Amino acid sequence: MRVKHVMLAAVIALPIPTANGEAQEIGQPSRGLVLAQRLCAECHAIQKEYSRSPNVNAPRFQAVASIPGMTATALSAALNTSHRAMPNIMLPADEQADIIAYILSLK
């Protein structure tokens, strides 16, 4: 079950092509931290310096970010998949992108 929780964060920072053809990351990690503090911190350790999550079954965000191959797409899929031990929080795309960007910033 841990793997499912870990994948939640990877989906937020999706690259979007710009006018010159270069990929630009969407999502702002600073806004993602604020959202994570409000929505996720009750269960998850959301900052690097936290050694354990308040809920022992909820993975630390840094652990999620450090999973080999973790990507924004994987986090997005995880955030949009129902989990038995996690509430289904429906976030607008921009907020989801911000949380994903924040989680990936913890690598």
N, C-alpha and C. Protein backbone atom coordinates (compact mmCIF):
# COMPACT_ATOMS: atom_id res chain seq x y z
N MET A 1 0.81 -1.21 0.00
CA MET A 1 0.00 0.00 0.00
C MET A 1 0.85 1.27 0.00
N ARG A 2 2.03 1.23 0.53
CA ARG A 2 2.88 2.41 0.59
C ARG A 2 3.18 2.97 -0.78
N VAL A 3 3.40 2.10 -1.75
CA VAL A 3 3.74 2.56 -3.09
C VAL A 3 2.63 3.44 -3.66
N LYS A 4 1.40 3.10 -3.42
CA LYS A 4 0.28 3.91 -3.91
C LYS A 4 0.32 5.31 -3.32
N HIS A 5 0.60 5.43 -2.04
CA HIS A 5 0.65 6.74 -1.41
C HIS A 5 1.83 7.55 -1.94
N VAL A 6 2.92 6.91 -2.19
CA VAL A 6 4.12 7.57 -2.66
C VAL A 6 3.92 8.16 -4.04
N MET A 7 3.20 7.49 -4.88
CA MET A 7 3.03 7.94 -6.24
C MET A 7 2.14 9.17 -6.35
N LEU A 8 1.44 9.53 -5.32
CA LEU A 8 0.52 10.66 -5.38
C LEU A 8 1.20 11.96 -5.77
N ALA A 9 2.37 12.18 -5.34
CA ALA A 9 3.00 13.48 -5.51
C ALA A 9 3.61 13.70 -6.86
N ALA A 10 3.94 12.71 -7.60
CA ALA A 10 4.73 12.86 -8.82
C ALA A 10 4.00 13.49 -9.98
N VAL A 11 2.74 13.65 -9.94
CA VAL A 11 1.97 14.06 -11.09
C VAL A 11 1.87 15.56 -11.29
N ILE A 12 2.24 16.37 -10.38
CA ILE A 12 1.91 17.79 -10.42
C ILE A 12 2.71 18.62 -11.41
N ALA A 13 4.00 18.50 -11.48
CA ALA A 13 4.82 19.38 -12.32
C ALA A 13 4.98 18.80 -13.71
N LEU A 14 4.03 19.06 -14.55
CA LEU A 14 4.07 18.54 -15.90
C LEU A 14 4.70 19.56 -16.85
N PRO A 15 5.61 19.11 -17.73
CA PRO A 15 6.22 20.05 -18.65
C PRO A 15 5.23 20.47 -19.74
N ILE A 16 5.26 21.74 -20.09
CA ILE A 16 4.40 22.27 -21.14
C ILE A 16 5.29 22.98 -22.15
N PRO A 17 5.14 22.67 -23.45
CA PRO A 17 5.97 23.34 -24.44
C PRO A 17 5.64 24.83 -24.51
N THR A 18 6.67 25.64 -24.65
CA THR A 18 6.49 27.08 -24.79
C THR A 18 6.50 27.43 -26.27
N ALA A 19 6.34 28.70 -26.60
CA ALA A 19 6.31 29.15 -27.99
C ALA A 19 7.60 28.80 -28.73
N ASN A 20 8.72 28.79 -28.03
CA ASN A 20 9.98 28.48 -28.70
C ASN A 20 10.28 26.98 -28.68
N GLY A 21 9.34 26.16 -28.25
CA GLY A 21 9.48 24.72 -28.29
C GLY A 21 10.14 24.10 -27.08
N GLU A 22 10.62 24.90 -26.13
CA GLU A 22 11.25 24.37 -24.94
C GLU A 22 10.18 24.00 -23.91
N ALA A 23 10.48 23.00 -23.12
CA ALA A 23 9.53 22.60 -22.08
C ALA A 23 9.68 23.51 -20.87
N GLN A 24 8.57 23.88 -20.31
CA GLN A 24 8.56 24.71 -19.11
C GLN A 24 7.79 23.96 -18.04
N GLU A 25 8.36 23.88 -16.83
CA GLU A 25 7.67 23.21 -15.74
C GLU A 25 6.52 24.09 -15.26
N ILE A 26 5.37 23.48 -15.07
CA ILE A 26 4.27 24.22 -14.47
C ILE A 26 4.19 23.82 -13.02
N GLY A 27 3.59 24.65 -12.25
CA GLY A 27 3.49 24.38 -10.83
C GLY A 27 4.56 25.15 -10.09
N GLN A 28 4.16 25.73 -8.99
CA GLN A 28 5.09 26.52 -8.19
C GLN A 28 5.30 25.84 -6.85
N PRO A 29 6.54 25.38 -6.60
CA PRO A 29 6.81 24.68 -5.35
C PRO A 29 6.43 25.48 -4.10
N SER A 30 6.63 26.78 -4.11
CA SER A 30 6.30 27.58 -2.92
C SER A 30 4.80 27.54 -2.63
N ARG A 31 3.99 27.59 -3.66
CA ARG A 31 2.54 27.47 -3.45
C ARG A 31 2.18 26.04 -3.06
N GLY A 32 2.91 25.07 -3.60
CA GLY A 32 2.67 23.67 -3.25
C GLY A 32 2.94 23.40 -1.78
N LEU A 33 3.98 24.03 -1.23
CA LEU A 33 4.26 23.88 0.21
C LEU A 33 3.10 24.40 1.04
N VAL A 34 2.58 25.56 0.68
CA VAL A 34 1.46 26.14 1.43
C VAL A 34 0.25 25.20 1.38
N LEU A 35 -0.04 24.67 0.20
CA LEU A 35 -1.16 23.73 0.07
C LEU A 35 -0.90 22.45 0.86
N ALA A 36 0.33 21.94 0.80
CA ALA A 36 0.67 20.72 1.53
C ALA A 36 0.53 20.93 3.03
N GLN A 37 0.91 22.10 3.51
CA GLN A 37 0.76 22.39 4.93
C GLN A 37 -0.71 22.34 5.33
N ARG A 38 -1.57 22.82 4.46
CA ARG A 38 -3.00 22.88 4.77
C ARG A 38 -3.69 21.53 4.56
N LEU A 39 -3.30 20.80 3.50
CA LEU A 39 -4.05 19.61 3.12
C LEU A 39 -3.40 18.28 3.47
N CYS A 40 -2.10 18.25 3.63
CA CYS A 40 -1.39 16.98 3.73
C CYS A 40 -0.65 16.75 5.04
N ALA A 41 -0.30 17.84 5.73
CA ALA A 41 0.58 17.74 6.90
C ALA A 41 -0.04 17.00 8.08
N GLU A 42 -1.33 16.85 8.10
CA GLU A 42 -1.96 16.11 9.19
C GLU A 42 -1.49 14.65 9.20
N CYS A 43 -1.18 14.13 8.02
CA CYS A 43 -0.76 12.73 7.91
C CYS A 43 0.69 12.56 7.44
N HIS A 44 1.13 13.41 6.50
CA HIS A 44 2.44 13.26 5.87
C HIS A 44 3.47 14.22 6.44
N ALA A 45 4.73 13.76 6.51
CA ALA A 45 5.86 14.65 6.78
C ALA A 45 6.12 15.37 5.47
N ILE A 46 5.85 16.66 5.42
CA ILE A 46 5.91 17.36 4.14
C ILE A 46 7.24 18.07 3.89
N GLN A 47 8.07 18.20 4.91
CA GLN A 47 9.34 18.89 4.73
C GLN A 47 10.51 17.94 4.96
N LYS A 48 11.64 18.24 4.29
CA LYS A 48 12.82 17.38 4.37
C LYS A 48 13.26 17.11 5.79
N GLU A 49 13.21 18.14 6.63
CA GLU A 49 13.74 17.99 7.99
C GLU A 49 12.87 17.14 8.90
N TYR A 50 11.69 16.77 8.45
CA TYR A 50 10.83 15.91 9.27
C TYR A 50 11.23 14.45 9.05
N SER A 51 11.57 13.77 10.13
CA SER A 51 12.07 12.40 10.00
C SER A 51 10.97 11.35 9.93
N ARG A 52 9.76 11.72 10.35
CA ARG A 52 8.65 10.77 10.28
C ARG A 52 7.33 11.52 10.10
N SER A 53 6.40 10.83 9.49
CA SER A 53 5.07 11.39 9.27
C SER A 53 4.23 11.26 10.53
N PRO A 54 3.29 12.19 10.76
CA PRO A 54 2.37 12.07 11.89
C PRO A 54 1.59 10.75 11.86
N ASN A 55 1.23 10.31 10.68
CA ASN A 55 0.57 9.01 10.49
C ASN A 55 1.64 8.04 10.00
N VAL A 56 1.94 7.02 10.77
CA VAL A 56 3.03 6.10 10.41
C VAL A 56 2.80 5.39 9.08
N ASN A 57 1.57 5.35 8.60
CA ASN A 57 1.26 4.71 7.33
C ASN A 57 1.37 5.66 6.14
N ALA A 58 1.58 6.93 6.40
CA ALA A 58 1.67 7.92 5.32
C ALA A 58 3.15 8.20 5.04
N PRO A 59 3.58 8.03 3.80
CA PRO A 59 5.00 8.24 3.50
C PRO A 59 5.41 9.71 3.60
N ARG A 60 6.67 9.92 3.95
CA ARG A 60 7.24 11.27 3.95
C ARG A 60 7.31 11.76 2.50
N PHE A 61 7.04 13.03 2.27
CA PHE A 61 7.10 13.56 0.91
C PHE A 61 8.49 13.40 0.30
N GLN A 62 9.54 13.55 1.11
CA GLN A 62 10.89 13.39 0.57
C GLN A 62 11.11 11.95 0.12
N ALA A 63 10.57 10.99 0.85
CA ALA A 63 10.68 9.59 0.44
C ALA A 63 9.97 9.35 -0.88
N VAL A 64 8.83 9.98 -1.04
CA VAL A 64 8.08 9.86 -2.30
C VAL A 64 8.91 10.45 -3.43
N ALA A 65 9.44 11.64 -3.23
CA ALA A 65 10.23 12.32 -4.26
C ALA A 65 11.47 11.53 -4.63
N SER A 66 12.02 10.78 -3.68
CA SER A 66 13.28 10.07 -3.88
C SER A 66 13.12 8.68 -4.49
N ILE A 67 11.92 8.27 -4.75
CA ILE A 67 11.71 6.97 -5.40
C ILE A 67 12.35 7.03 -6.78
N PRO A 68 13.21 6.07 -7.11
CA PRO A 68 13.83 6.08 -8.43
C PRO A 68 12.79 6.14 -9.54
N GLY A 69 12.99 7.07 -10.46
CA GLY A 69 12.07 7.21 -11.58
C GLY A 69 10.82 8.02 -11.29
N MET A 70 10.72 8.60 -10.09
CA MET A 70 9.53 9.38 -9.74
C MET A 70 9.45 10.59 -10.66
N THR A 71 8.29 10.76 -11.25
CA THR A 71 8.05 11.86 -12.19
C THR A 71 6.76 12.58 -11.86
N ALA A 72 6.56 13.71 -12.50
CA ALA A 72 5.32 14.45 -12.34
C ALA A 72 4.14 13.60 -12.82
N THR A 73 4.34 12.86 -13.88
CA THR A 73 3.26 12.02 -14.41
C THR A 73 2.87 10.94 -13.41
N ALA A 74 3.86 10.32 -12.79
CA ALA A 74 3.57 9.29 -11.79
C ALA A 74 2.84 9.88 -10.58
N LEU A 75 3.27 11.05 -10.14
CA LEU A 75 2.59 11.70 -9.02
C LEU A 75 1.16 12.09 -9.38
N SER A 76 0.99 12.56 -10.57
CA SER A 76 -0.35 12.94 -11.01
C SER A 76 -1.28 11.72 -10.99
N ALA A 77 -0.79 10.62 -11.51
CA ALA A 77 -1.60 9.40 -11.52
C ALA A 77 -1.95 8.99 -10.10
N ALA A 78 -0.98 9.10 -9.21
CA ALA A 78 -1.22 8.72 -7.82
C ALA A 78 -2.24 9.64 -7.16
N LEU A 79 -2.15 10.94 -7.43
CA LEU A 79 -3.09 11.89 -6.84
C LEU A 79 -4.51 11.70 -7.35
N ASN A 80 -4.62 11.15 -8.53
CA ASN A 80 -5.93 10.99 -9.14
C ASN A 80 -6.48 9.57 -9.01
N THR A 81 -5.85 8.76 -8.16
CA THR A 81 -6.28 7.39 -7.92
C THR A 81 -6.80 7.29 -6.49
N SER A 82 -7.92 6.64 -6.32
CA SER A 82 -8.47 6.46 -4.97
C SER A 82 -7.57 5.58 -4.14
N HIS A 83 -7.46 5.92 -2.85
CA HIS A 83 -6.67 5.15 -1.91
C HIS A 83 -7.51 4.90 -0.67
N ARG A 84 -7.51 3.68 -0.23
CA ARG A 84 -8.34 3.28 0.90
C ARG A 84 -8.02 4.08 2.16
N ALA A 85 -6.75 4.32 2.43
CA ALA A 85 -6.37 4.96 3.68
C ALA A 85 -6.15 6.47 3.53
N MET A 86 -6.54 7.03 2.40
CA MET A 86 -6.31 8.45 2.17
C MET A 86 -7.60 9.07 1.64
N PRO A 87 -7.93 10.26 2.12
CA PRO A 87 -9.15 10.91 1.61
C PRO A 87 -8.97 11.29 0.15
N ASN A 88 -10.05 11.25 -0.59
CA ASN A 88 -10.02 11.66 -1.99
C ASN A 88 -10.21 13.17 -2.05
N ILE A 89 -9.11 13.87 -2.23
CA ILE A 89 -9.15 15.32 -2.31
C ILE A 89 -9.09 15.70 -3.78
N MET A 90 -10.12 16.36 -4.24
CA MET A 90 -10.18 16.79 -5.64
C MET A 90 -9.59 18.19 -5.73
N LEU A 91 -8.45 18.30 -6.39
CA LEU A 91 -7.77 19.58 -6.52
C LEU A 91 -7.89 20.11 -7.94
N PRO A 92 -8.02 21.42 -8.09
CA PRO A 92 -7.94 22.00 -9.43
C PRO A 92 -6.55 21.69 -10.01
N ALA A 93 -6.43 21.67 -11.32
CA ALA A 93 -5.17 21.31 -11.98
C ALA A 93 -4.00 22.16 -11.52
N ASP A 94 -4.21 23.46 -11.33
CA ASP A 94 -3.09 24.32 -10.93
C ASP A 94 -2.61 23.99 -9.53
N GLU A 95 -3.51 23.68 -8.60
CA GLU A 95 -3.11 23.31 -7.25
C GLU A 95 -2.41 21.95 -7.24
N GLN A 96 -2.90 21.03 -8.03
CA GLN A 96 -2.26 19.72 -8.13
C GLN A 96 -0.84 19.90 -8.70
N ALA A 97 -0.70 20.76 -9.69
CA ALA A 97 0.63 21.02 -10.27
C ALA A 97 1.56 21.63 -9.23
N ASP A 98 1.04 22.51 -8.38
CA ASP A 98 1.87 23.13 -7.35
C ASP A 98 2.35 22.09 -6.33
N ILE A 99 1.47 21.21 -5.89
CA ILE A 99 1.86 20.19 -4.91
C ILE A 99 2.87 19.24 -5.54
N ILE A 100 2.67 18.84 -6.76
CA ILE A 100 3.62 17.97 -7.44
C ILE A 100 4.97 18.66 -7.58
N ALA A 101 4.96 19.91 -7.98
CA ALA A 101 6.22 20.66 -8.10
C ALA A 101 6.94 20.72 -6.76
N TYR A 102 6.20 20.91 -5.68
CA TYR A 102 6.80 20.96 -4.35
C TYR A 102 7.42 19.61 -3.99
N ILE A 103 6.67 18.55 -4.17
CA ILE A 103 7.18 17.22 -3.81
C ILE A 103 8.45 16.91 -4.60
N LEU A 104 8.44 17.18 -5.89
CA LEU A 104 9.62 16.90 -6.71
C LEU A 104 10.80 17.78 -6.33
N SER A 105 10.53 18.93 -5.74
CA SER A 105 11.62 19.81 -5.31
C SER A 105 12.39 19.23 -4.12
N LEU A 106 11.83 18.22 -3.48
CA LEU A 106 12.46 17.61 -2.30
C LEU A 106 13.49 16.54 -2.65
N LYS A 107 13.71 16.28 -3.92
CA LYS A 107 14.69 15.25 -4.33
C LYS A 107 16.06 15.63 -3.86
